[in-house]
N, C-alpha and C. Protein backbone atom coordinates (compact mmCIF):
# COMPACT_ATOMS: atom_id res chain seq x y z
N MET A 1 0.85 -1.18 0.00
CA MET A 1 0.00 0.00 0.00
C MET A 1 0.89 1.24 0.00
N ILE A 2 0.48 2.23 -0.78
CA ILE A 2 1.20 3.49 -0.79
C ILE A 2 0.20 4.62 -0.56
N THR A 3 0.73 5.75 -0.13
CA THR A 3 -0.14 6.89 0.11
C THR A 3 -0.52 7.53 -1.23
N ARG A 4 -1.60 8.26 -1.23
CA ARG A 4 -2.03 8.98 -2.43
C ARG A 4 -0.92 9.93 -2.88
N GLN A 5 -0.26 10.61 -1.92
CA GLN A 5 0.80 11.55 -2.28
C GLN A 5 1.98 10.82 -2.91
N ALA A 6 2.37 9.67 -2.38
CA ALA A 6 3.47 8.89 -2.97
C ALA A 6 3.11 8.45 -4.38
N TYR A 7 1.85 8.06 -4.59
CA TYR A 7 1.37 7.67 -5.92
C TYR A 7 1.49 8.84 -6.90
N LEU A 8 1.00 9.99 -6.48
CA LEU A 8 1.04 11.18 -7.34
C LEU A 8 2.46 11.64 -7.62
N ASP A 9 3.33 11.54 -6.60
CA ASP A 9 4.73 11.92 -6.79
C ASP A 9 5.41 11.00 -7.81
N ALA A 10 5.15 9.70 -7.70
CA ALA A 10 5.74 8.73 -8.63
C ALA A 10 5.19 8.96 -10.04
N GLN A 11 3.92 9.25 -10.14
CA GLN A 11 3.32 9.52 -11.44
C GLN A 11 3.97 10.77 -12.08
N LYS A 12 4.20 11.79 -11.27
CA LYS A 12 4.83 13.03 -11.77
C LYS A 12 6.26 12.75 -12.25
N ARG A 13 7.01 11.96 -11.49
CA ARG A 13 8.37 11.60 -11.90
C ARG A 13 8.36 10.80 -13.21
N ALA A 14 7.37 9.92 -13.34
CA ALA A 14 7.25 9.12 -14.56
C ALA A 14 6.94 10.00 -15.77
N ILE A 15 6.07 10.99 -15.56
CA ILE A 15 5.74 11.93 -16.65
C ILE A 15 7.00 12.67 -17.08
N GLU A 16 7.80 13.12 -16.12
CA GLU A 16 9.04 13.82 -16.45
C GLU A 16 9.98 12.92 -17.26
N ALA A 17 10.08 11.65 -16.86
CA ALA A 17 10.95 10.70 -17.58
C ALA A 17 10.44 10.48 -19.00
N LEU A 18 9.13 10.39 -19.17
CA LEU A 18 8.58 10.21 -20.51
C LEU A 18 8.83 11.44 -21.38
N ARG A 19 8.66 12.60 -20.81
CA ARG A 19 8.92 13.83 -21.58
C ARG A 19 10.38 13.91 -21.98
N HIS A 20 11.24 13.48 -21.10
CA HIS A 20 12.69 13.47 -21.38
C HIS A 20 13.03 12.46 -22.48
N SER A 21 12.20 11.45 -22.67
CA SER A 21 12.46 10.40 -23.66
C SER A 21 12.35 10.90 -25.09
N GLY A 22 11.69 12.03 -25.29
CA GLY A 22 11.53 12.56 -26.62
C GLY A 22 10.22 12.16 -27.29
N LEU A 23 9.48 11.26 -26.69
CA LEU A 23 8.17 10.88 -27.22
C LEU A 23 7.14 11.90 -26.79
N SER A 24 6.06 11.99 -27.53
CA SER A 24 5.01 12.95 -27.24
C SER A 24 3.75 12.22 -26.79
N PHE A 25 3.09 12.74 -25.77
CA PHE A 25 1.88 12.13 -25.23
C PHE A 25 0.84 13.20 -24.93
N THR A 26 -0.40 12.81 -24.96
CA THR A 26 -1.47 13.73 -24.57
C THR A 26 -1.54 13.77 -23.04
N ASP A 27 -2.14 14.82 -22.52
CA ASP A 27 -2.33 14.90 -21.07
C ASP A 27 -3.18 13.74 -20.58
N GLN A 28 -4.18 13.33 -21.36
CA GLN A 28 -5.05 12.22 -20.98
C GLN A 28 -4.25 10.91 -20.87
N GLU A 29 -3.31 10.70 -21.78
CA GLU A 29 -2.47 9.50 -21.70
C GLU A 29 -1.61 9.54 -20.44
N LEU A 30 -0.99 10.67 -20.18
CA LEU A 30 -0.10 10.79 -19.02
C LEU A 30 -0.85 10.58 -17.71
N GLU A 31 -2.11 10.99 -17.66
CA GLU A 31 -2.92 10.79 -16.46
C GLU A 31 -3.18 9.32 -16.19
N ARG A 32 -3.04 8.47 -17.21
CA ARG A 32 -3.30 7.03 -17.07
C ARG A 32 -2.09 6.24 -16.59
N ILE A 33 -0.99 6.91 -16.33
CA ILE A 33 0.18 6.18 -15.84
C ILE A 33 -0.18 5.50 -14.53
N GLU A 34 0.04 4.21 -14.50
CA GLU A 34 -0.24 3.41 -13.31
C GLU A 34 1.05 3.27 -12.50
N VAL A 35 0.96 3.54 -11.22
CA VAL A 35 2.08 3.35 -10.31
C VAL A 35 1.86 2.02 -9.61
N VAL A 36 2.81 1.11 -9.78
CA VAL A 36 2.66 -0.25 -9.26
C VAL A 36 3.70 -0.49 -8.16
N ASP A 37 3.23 -0.76 -6.96
CA ASP A 37 4.16 -1.05 -5.86
C ASP A 37 4.20 -2.54 -5.53
N PHE A 38 3.43 -3.35 -6.27
CA PHE A 38 3.37 -4.80 -6.10
C PHE A 38 2.99 -5.19 -4.67
N GLY A 39 2.28 -4.30 -3.97
CA GLY A 39 1.85 -4.59 -2.61
C GLY A 39 2.99 -4.60 -1.61
N LEU A 40 4.17 -4.14 -2.02
CA LEU A 40 5.35 -4.22 -1.16
C LEU A 40 5.63 -2.91 -0.43
N SER A 41 4.85 -1.88 -0.73
CA SER A 41 4.87 -0.60 -0.01
C SER A 41 6.18 0.17 -0.07
N ASP A 42 6.99 -0.09 -1.09
CA ASP A 42 8.24 0.66 -1.27
C ASP A 42 8.47 0.81 -2.77
N VAL A 43 7.64 1.63 -3.40
CA VAL A 43 7.62 1.75 -4.86
C VAL A 43 8.96 2.20 -5.43
N ASN A 44 9.75 2.94 -4.69
CA ASN A 44 11.04 3.38 -5.21
C ASN A 44 12.07 2.25 -5.24
N ARG A 45 11.88 1.24 -4.43
CA ARG A 45 12.79 0.09 -4.41
C ARG A 45 12.29 -1.02 -5.32
N GLU A 46 11.03 -1.43 -5.13
CA GLU A 46 10.43 -2.48 -5.95
C GLU A 46 9.11 -1.94 -6.49
N GLY A 47 9.09 -1.67 -7.79
CA GLY A 47 7.90 -1.11 -8.39
C GLY A 47 8.12 -0.80 -9.85
N ALA A 48 7.13 -0.19 -10.46
CA ALA A 48 7.21 0.24 -11.85
C ALA A 48 6.09 1.23 -12.11
N GLN A 49 6.29 2.05 -13.09
CA GLN A 49 5.26 2.98 -13.55
C GLN A 49 4.94 2.53 -14.98
N ILE A 50 3.65 2.37 -15.26
CA ILE A 50 3.26 1.75 -16.53
C ILE A 50 2.22 2.60 -17.25
N LEU A 51 2.48 2.87 -18.52
CA LEU A 51 1.52 3.54 -19.37
C LEU A 51 1.11 2.56 -20.46
N THR A 52 -0.14 2.13 -20.43
CA THR A 52 -0.65 1.22 -21.44
C THR A 52 -1.12 2.04 -22.64
N LEU A 53 -0.53 1.77 -23.79
CA LEU A 53 -0.88 2.47 -25.02
C LEU A 53 -1.91 1.70 -25.83
N VAL A 54 -1.78 0.36 -25.88
CA VAL A 54 -2.69 -0.51 -26.61
C VAL A 54 -2.90 -1.77 -25.79
N GLN A 55 -4.15 -2.17 -25.65
CA GLN A 55 -4.43 -3.46 -25.02
C GLN A 55 -5.69 -4.04 -25.63
N THR A 56 -5.49 -5.11 -26.40
CA THR A 56 -6.62 -5.81 -27.02
C THR A 56 -6.58 -7.26 -26.56
N GLU A 57 -7.43 -8.08 -27.11
CA GLU A 57 -7.44 -9.51 -26.79
C GLU A 57 -6.14 -10.20 -27.22
N ARG A 58 -5.45 -9.63 -28.21
CA ARG A 58 -4.29 -10.31 -28.79
C ARG A 58 -2.97 -9.55 -28.69
N LEU A 59 -3.01 -8.26 -28.33
CA LEU A 59 -1.82 -7.44 -28.39
C LEU A 59 -1.80 -6.42 -27.26
N SER A 60 -0.59 -6.15 -26.76
CA SER A 60 -0.43 -5.11 -25.75
C SER A 60 0.85 -4.33 -26.04
N VAL A 61 0.76 -3.01 -25.91
CA VAL A 61 1.93 -2.14 -26.02
C VAL A 61 1.92 -1.24 -24.80
N LYS A 62 3.01 -1.30 -24.05
CA LYS A 62 3.12 -0.51 -22.83
C LYS A 62 4.47 0.18 -22.79
N LEU A 63 4.51 1.26 -22.05
CA LEU A 63 5.77 1.89 -21.69
C LEU A 63 5.96 1.66 -20.20
N LEU A 64 7.13 1.17 -19.83
CA LEU A 64 7.48 1.00 -18.43
C LEU A 64 8.53 2.04 -18.09
N ILE A 65 8.28 2.75 -17.01
CA ILE A 65 9.20 3.77 -16.55
C ILE A 65 9.75 3.30 -15.22
N LEU A 66 11.06 3.17 -15.15
CA LEU A 66 11.70 2.75 -13.91
C LEU A 66 12.60 3.86 -13.40
N PHE A 67 12.49 4.16 -12.13
CA PHE A 67 13.34 5.16 -11.51
C PHE A 67 14.72 4.56 -11.26
N PRO A 68 15.73 5.38 -10.95
CA PRO A 68 17.06 4.84 -10.69
C PRO A 68 17.04 3.71 -9.66
N GLN A 69 17.63 2.60 -10.05
CA GLN A 69 17.74 1.37 -9.25
C GLN A 69 16.38 0.74 -8.88
N GLN A 70 15.30 1.22 -9.43
CA GLN A 70 13.99 0.62 -9.16
C GLN A 70 13.95 -0.77 -9.81
N THR A 71 13.40 -1.72 -9.10
CA THR A 71 13.39 -3.12 -9.53
C THR A 71 11.97 -3.60 -9.73
N GLU A 72 11.73 -4.26 -10.87
CA GLU A 72 10.46 -4.97 -11.05
C GLU A 72 10.72 -6.40 -10.60
N PRO A 73 9.95 -6.88 -9.60
CA PRO A 73 10.22 -8.21 -9.02
C PRO A 73 10.20 -9.35 -10.03
N GLU A 74 10.93 -10.40 -9.67
CA GLU A 74 11.00 -11.60 -10.51
C GLU A 74 9.61 -12.18 -10.72
N HIS A 75 9.31 -12.47 -11.99
CA HIS A 75 7.99 -13.00 -12.34
C HIS A 75 8.07 -13.77 -13.65
N TRP A 76 6.97 -14.40 -14.00
CA TRP A 76 6.83 -15.09 -15.27
C TRP A 76 5.37 -15.06 -15.67
N HIS A 77 5.14 -15.31 -16.95
CA HIS A 77 3.80 -15.26 -17.52
C HIS A 77 3.35 -16.69 -17.82
N PRO A 78 2.49 -17.25 -16.98
CA PRO A 78 2.14 -18.67 -17.08
C PRO A 78 1.15 -18.97 -18.22
N PRO A 79 1.09 -20.24 -18.60
CA PRO A 79 0.10 -20.64 -19.61
C PRO A 79 -1.31 -20.61 -19.02
N ILE A 80 -2.28 -20.45 -19.93
CA ILE A 80 -3.69 -20.51 -19.54
C ILE A 80 -4.38 -21.41 -20.56
N GLY A 81 -4.84 -22.55 -20.11
CA GLY A 81 -5.48 -23.49 -21.02
C GLY A 81 -4.55 -23.83 -22.17
N GLN A 82 -5.00 -23.63 -23.40
CA GLN A 82 -4.19 -23.93 -24.59
C GLN A 82 -3.21 -22.80 -24.94
N ASP A 83 -3.36 -21.65 -24.30
CA ASP A 83 -2.47 -20.51 -24.56
C ASP A 83 -1.17 -20.73 -23.77
N PRO A 84 -0.01 -20.66 -24.45
CA PRO A 84 1.26 -20.91 -23.74
C PRO A 84 1.67 -19.82 -22.76
N GLY A 85 0.97 -18.69 -22.76
CA GLY A 85 1.33 -17.56 -21.90
C GLY A 85 1.85 -16.41 -22.73
N LYS A 86 2.04 -15.30 -22.08
CA LYS A 86 2.45 -14.08 -22.77
C LYS A 86 3.88 -14.17 -23.28
N GLU A 87 4.08 -13.83 -24.54
CA GLU A 87 5.40 -13.62 -25.11
C GLU A 87 5.62 -12.11 -25.09
N GLU A 88 6.81 -11.69 -24.67
CA GLU A 88 7.05 -10.26 -24.47
C GLU A 88 8.37 -9.82 -25.06
N THR A 89 8.33 -8.71 -25.77
CA THR A 89 9.55 -8.09 -26.28
C THR A 89 9.77 -6.80 -25.52
N ILE A 90 10.97 -6.68 -24.95
CA ILE A 90 11.37 -5.49 -24.20
C ILE A 90 12.35 -4.72 -25.08
N ARG A 91 12.11 -3.42 -25.24
CA ARG A 91 13.03 -2.56 -26.00
C ARG A 91 13.31 -1.30 -25.17
N VAL A 92 14.57 -1.05 -24.91
CA VAL A 92 14.97 0.10 -24.10
C VAL A 92 14.94 1.36 -24.95
N LEU A 93 14.24 2.35 -24.44
CA LEU A 93 14.16 3.65 -25.11
C LEU A 93 15.22 4.60 -24.57
N THR A 94 15.31 4.70 -23.24
CA THR A 94 16.33 5.54 -22.61
C THR A 94 16.86 4.83 -21.36
N GLY A 95 18.07 5.17 -20.99
CA GLY A 95 18.65 4.65 -19.76
C GLY A 95 19.30 3.28 -19.95
N THR A 96 19.61 2.67 -18.82
CA THR A 96 20.22 1.34 -18.78
C THR A 96 19.29 0.43 -18.01
N LEU A 97 19.10 -0.77 -18.55
CA LEU A 97 18.25 -1.78 -17.92
C LEU A 97 19.08 -3.03 -17.71
N TYR A 98 19.05 -3.56 -16.50
CA TYR A 98 19.68 -4.83 -16.19
C TYR A 98 18.58 -5.86 -16.14
N LEU A 99 18.58 -6.77 -17.10
CA LEU A 99 17.57 -7.82 -17.21
C LEU A 99 18.18 -9.12 -16.73
N TYR A 100 17.47 -9.84 -15.89
CA TYR A 100 17.98 -11.10 -15.35
C TYR A 100 17.07 -12.24 -15.72
N LEU A 101 17.71 -13.32 -16.22
CA LEU A 101 17.03 -14.50 -16.72
C LEU A 101 17.65 -15.74 -16.07
N PRO A 102 16.98 -16.89 -16.19
CA PRO A 102 17.59 -18.12 -15.69
C PRO A 102 18.89 -18.42 -16.45
N GLY A 103 19.80 -19.09 -15.80
CA GLY A 103 21.06 -19.45 -16.43
C GLY A 103 22.22 -19.21 -15.49
N GLU A 104 23.42 -19.34 -16.04
CA GLU A 104 24.63 -19.17 -15.25
C GLU A 104 24.63 -17.80 -14.56
N ALA A 105 24.97 -17.79 -13.29
CA ALA A 105 24.96 -16.56 -12.51
C ALA A 105 26.04 -15.60 -12.99
N THR A 106 25.59 -14.42 -13.44
CA THR A 106 26.51 -13.37 -13.86
C THR A 106 26.14 -12.05 -13.19
N LEU A 107 25.33 -12.12 -12.14
CA LEU A 107 24.85 -10.94 -11.44
C LEU A 107 26.04 -10.10 -10.96
N LYS A 108 26.16 -8.89 -11.48
CA LYS A 108 27.27 -8.02 -11.11
C LYS A 108 26.84 -6.58 -10.93
N GLN A 109 26.10 -6.04 -11.89
CA GLN A 109 25.83 -4.61 -11.90
C GLN A 109 24.79 -4.16 -10.88
N CYS A 110 23.71 -4.88 -10.75
CA CYS A 110 22.66 -4.37 -9.88
C CYS A 110 22.65 -5.12 -8.56
N GLN A 111 21.78 -4.67 -7.71
CA GLN A 111 21.71 -5.26 -6.38
C GLN A 111 20.31 -5.77 -6.12
N ILE A 112 20.24 -6.99 -5.64
CA ILE A 112 18.96 -7.54 -5.23
C ILE A 112 18.50 -6.77 -4.00
N PRO A 113 17.23 -6.38 -3.96
CA PRO A 113 16.75 -5.67 -2.77
C PRO A 113 17.09 -6.45 -1.49
N GLU A 114 17.62 -5.73 -0.52
CA GLU A 114 18.08 -6.34 0.73
C GLU A 114 16.99 -7.20 1.38
N GLY A 115 17.39 -8.39 1.77
CA GLY A 115 16.48 -9.32 2.42
C GLY A 115 15.57 -10.09 1.47
N LYS A 116 15.75 -9.89 0.16
CA LYS A 116 14.87 -10.50 -0.85
C LYS A 116 15.60 -11.53 -1.72
N GLU A 117 16.80 -11.93 -1.33
CA GLU A 117 17.64 -12.79 -2.16
C GLU A 117 16.92 -14.06 -2.62
N GLN A 118 16.11 -14.67 -1.75
CA GLN A 118 15.44 -15.92 -2.11
C GLN A 118 14.35 -15.73 -3.15
N PHE A 119 13.94 -14.49 -3.40
CA PHE A 119 12.87 -14.20 -4.37
C PHE A 119 13.41 -13.75 -5.73
N TYR A 120 14.72 -13.67 -5.85
CA TYR A 120 15.36 -13.27 -7.11
C TYR A 120 16.32 -14.39 -7.51
N THR A 121 15.77 -15.44 -8.11
CA THR A 121 16.55 -16.64 -8.42
C THR A 121 17.22 -16.58 -9.79
N SER A 122 16.71 -15.76 -10.69
CA SER A 122 17.32 -15.62 -12.02
C SER A 122 18.51 -14.68 -11.89
N ARG A 123 19.71 -15.18 -12.18
CA ARG A 123 20.92 -14.41 -11.92
C ARG A 123 21.79 -14.21 -13.16
N ASN A 124 21.28 -14.60 -14.34
CA ASN A 124 22.03 -14.41 -15.58
C ASN A 124 21.70 -13.04 -16.13
N GLY A 125 22.64 -12.10 -16.04
CA GLY A 125 22.38 -10.71 -16.36
C GLY A 125 22.66 -10.32 -17.79
N LEU A 126 21.81 -9.47 -18.30
CA LEU A 126 21.95 -8.89 -19.63
C LEU A 126 21.87 -7.37 -19.46
N ILE A 127 22.87 -6.65 -19.93
CA ILE A 127 22.87 -5.19 -19.83
C ILE A 127 22.26 -4.65 -21.12
N MET A 128 21.19 -3.89 -20.97
CA MET A 128 20.51 -3.33 -22.13
C MET A 128 20.56 -1.81 -22.06
N ARG A 129 20.93 -1.22 -23.18
CA ARG A 129 20.97 0.24 -23.29
C ARG A 129 20.04 0.68 -24.41
N GLU A 130 20.02 1.96 -24.69
CA GLU A 130 19.14 2.51 -25.72
C GLU A 130 19.14 1.64 -26.99
N ASN A 131 17.94 1.28 -27.44
CA ASN A 131 17.68 0.43 -28.61
C ASN A 131 17.98 -1.04 -28.38
N GLY A 132 18.42 -1.41 -27.19
CA GLY A 132 18.60 -2.83 -26.87
C GLY A 132 17.24 -3.51 -26.83
N GLN A 133 17.18 -4.72 -27.34
CA GLN A 133 15.89 -5.41 -27.43
C GLN A 133 16.07 -6.90 -27.20
N VAL A 134 15.10 -7.51 -26.53
CA VAL A 134 15.10 -8.95 -26.29
C VAL A 134 13.66 -9.43 -26.26
N THR A 135 13.44 -10.64 -26.74
CA THR A 135 12.11 -11.24 -26.69
C THR A 135 12.15 -12.41 -25.71
N LEU A 136 11.19 -12.41 -24.78
CA LEU A 136 11.09 -13.44 -23.76
C LEU A 136 9.99 -14.42 -24.13
N LYS A 137 10.34 -15.68 -24.14
CA LYS A 137 9.37 -16.73 -24.43
C LYS A 137 8.38 -16.85 -23.27
N PRO A 138 7.17 -17.34 -23.53
CA PRO A 138 6.20 -17.53 -22.45
C PRO A 138 6.79 -18.40 -21.33
N GLY A 139 6.46 -18.04 -20.10
CA GLY A 139 6.89 -18.84 -18.95
C GLY A 139 8.31 -18.60 -18.49
N THR A 140 9.05 -17.68 -19.12
CA THR A 140 10.44 -17.41 -18.75
C THR A 140 10.48 -16.51 -17.52
N LYS A 141 11.08 -17.01 -16.44
CA LYS A 141 11.27 -16.16 -15.26
C LYS A 141 12.20 -15.02 -15.62
N HIS A 142 11.87 -13.82 -15.13
CA HIS A 142 12.73 -12.67 -15.37
C HIS A 142 12.44 -11.57 -14.36
N TRP A 143 13.40 -10.70 -14.20
CA TRP A 143 13.24 -9.49 -13.41
C TRP A 143 14.21 -8.47 -13.96
N PHE A 144 13.96 -7.22 -13.66
CA PHE A 144 14.87 -6.20 -14.13
C PHE A 144 14.96 -5.03 -13.17
N GLN A 145 16.06 -4.30 -13.37
CA GLN A 145 16.35 -3.15 -12.52
C GLN A 145 16.95 -2.06 -13.41
N ALA A 146 16.54 -0.83 -13.16
CA ALA A 146 17.09 0.31 -13.90
C ALA A 146 18.46 0.67 -13.36
N GLY A 147 19.25 1.24 -14.24
CA GLY A 147 20.56 1.75 -13.84
C GLY A 147 20.43 3.06 -13.08
N ALA A 148 21.55 3.72 -12.86
CA ALA A 148 21.62 4.94 -12.05
C ALA A 148 20.78 6.08 -12.60
N GLU A 149 20.53 6.09 -13.92
CA GLU A 149 19.76 7.18 -14.52
C GLU A 149 18.29 6.82 -14.74
N GLY A 150 17.89 5.62 -14.31
CA GLY A 150 16.53 5.16 -14.57
C GLY A 150 16.45 4.60 -15.98
N ALA A 151 15.25 4.18 -16.38
CA ALA A 151 15.07 3.61 -17.72
C ALA A 151 13.62 3.76 -18.16
N VAL A 152 13.45 3.94 -19.45
CA VAL A 152 12.13 3.91 -20.07
C VAL A 152 12.20 2.82 -21.13
N LEU A 153 11.24 1.92 -21.12
CA LEU A 153 11.27 0.82 -22.06
C LEU A 153 9.89 0.51 -22.60
N PHE A 154 9.88 0.00 -23.81
CA PHE A 154 8.65 -0.52 -24.40
C PHE A 154 8.49 -1.97 -24.00
N SER A 155 7.25 -2.38 -23.82
CA SER A 155 6.90 -3.79 -23.66
C SER A 155 5.85 -4.07 -24.72
N PHE A 156 6.24 -4.88 -25.71
CA PHE A 156 5.31 -5.32 -26.76
C PHE A 156 5.01 -6.77 -26.44
N SER A 157 3.74 -7.14 -26.35
CA SER A 157 3.46 -8.52 -25.99
C SER A 157 2.14 -9.02 -26.57
N THR A 158 2.05 -10.32 -26.51
CA THR A 158 0.77 -10.94 -26.82
C THR A 158 -0.16 -10.60 -25.67
N ALA A 159 -1.37 -11.07 -25.71
CA ALA A 159 -2.39 -10.72 -24.73
C ALA A 159 -1.85 -10.64 -23.31
N VAL A 160 -2.23 -9.61 -22.61
CA VAL A 160 -1.76 -9.38 -21.25
C VAL A 160 -2.83 -9.81 -20.25
N ARG A 161 -2.38 -10.56 -19.30
CA ARG A 161 -3.25 -10.96 -18.18
C ARG A 161 -2.45 -10.72 -16.90
N ASP A 162 -2.12 -9.44 -16.66
CA ASP A 162 -1.23 -9.08 -15.55
C ASP A 162 -1.65 -9.67 -14.22
N LEU A 163 -2.94 -9.81 -14.01
CA LEU A 163 -3.41 -10.27 -12.71
C LEU A 163 -3.11 -11.74 -12.45
N ILE A 164 -2.73 -12.49 -13.49
CA ILE A 164 -2.36 -13.90 -13.25
C ILE A 164 -0.86 -14.14 -13.36
N ASP A 165 -0.07 -13.08 -13.61
CA ASP A 165 1.37 -13.25 -13.60
C ASP A 165 1.77 -13.89 -12.28
N GLN A 166 2.78 -14.70 -12.32
CA GLN A 166 3.29 -15.38 -11.13
C GLN A 166 4.57 -14.69 -10.67
N PHE A 167 4.73 -14.55 -9.36
CA PHE A 167 5.89 -13.88 -8.78
C PHE A 167 6.60 -14.82 -7.82
N SER A 168 7.92 -14.73 -7.79
CA SER A 168 8.69 -15.55 -6.86
C SER A 168 8.44 -15.14 -5.41
N ASP A 169 8.20 -13.86 -5.19
CA ASP A 169 7.92 -13.34 -3.85
C ASP A 169 6.43 -13.53 -3.56
N PRO A 170 6.09 -14.38 -2.58
CA PRO A 170 4.68 -14.63 -2.28
C PRO A 170 3.95 -13.41 -1.71
N ASN A 171 4.68 -12.37 -1.34
CA ASN A 171 4.07 -11.16 -0.79
C ASN A 171 3.59 -10.19 -1.86
N VAL A 172 3.92 -10.46 -3.12
CA VAL A 172 3.53 -9.56 -4.20
C VAL A 172 2.03 -9.61 -4.43
N VAL A 173 1.45 -8.42 -4.57
CA VAL A 173 0.04 -8.26 -4.95
C VAL A 173 0.06 -7.33 -6.15
N ARG A 174 -0.53 -7.76 -7.25
CA ARG A 174 -0.41 -7.00 -8.50
C ARG A 174 -1.19 -5.69 -8.50
N VAL A 175 -2.28 -5.60 -7.77
CA VAL A 175 -3.10 -4.40 -7.76
C VAL A 175 -2.62 -3.46 -6.65
N THR A 176 -2.28 -2.23 -7.03
CA THR A 176 -1.82 -1.24 -6.06
C THR A 176 -2.99 -0.74 -5.22
N LYS A 177 -2.77 -0.73 -3.92
CA LYS A 177 -3.77 -0.16 -3.00
C LYS A 177 -3.24 1.17 -2.52
N ILE A 178 -4.12 2.17 -2.55
CA ILE A 178 -3.73 3.53 -2.16
C ILE A 178 -4.41 3.88 -0.85
N ASP A 179 -3.57 4.29 0.11
CA ASP A 179 -4.05 4.75 1.41
C ASP A 179 -4.29 6.24 1.32
N GLN A 180 -5.48 6.66 1.61
CA GLN A 180 -5.83 8.09 1.53
C GLN A 180 -5.08 8.84 2.60
């Protein structure tokens, strides 16, 4: 849970980052930026700011705005019935993104949030900078963290079902609750 003021402050910072990216948005689009704290109550440490541009039954286009060293917790997109799960392409627009996937441990640049080591099991790091792009197969565990300057990235994916994403941290709640 975060306070209304913390939510608004994060939204304002995200708007500034988007404006700095060189892309143009309407005021109505910017007002739709979602501040996600994953129920962990520390949005600056573990969280993300998300602007959904397109969301249909088959396609989703989002912008993710991460503050300096902000981490999106380890998660994966599970199958549903005959659907293998969400396939996602991440493309960095600005900043540096440290993406972690299963495989040989190469964790060097970023830091796992203190006390959360058991919830960040993917330790094979990929450093992504402007125009860096990777496609994640359905069901691939992953997490990422912005570098010192933060990061803005596109997420292009097949159908999004954010509420059923699975997280390694059992304390994660996908819907942000705001304390007045």
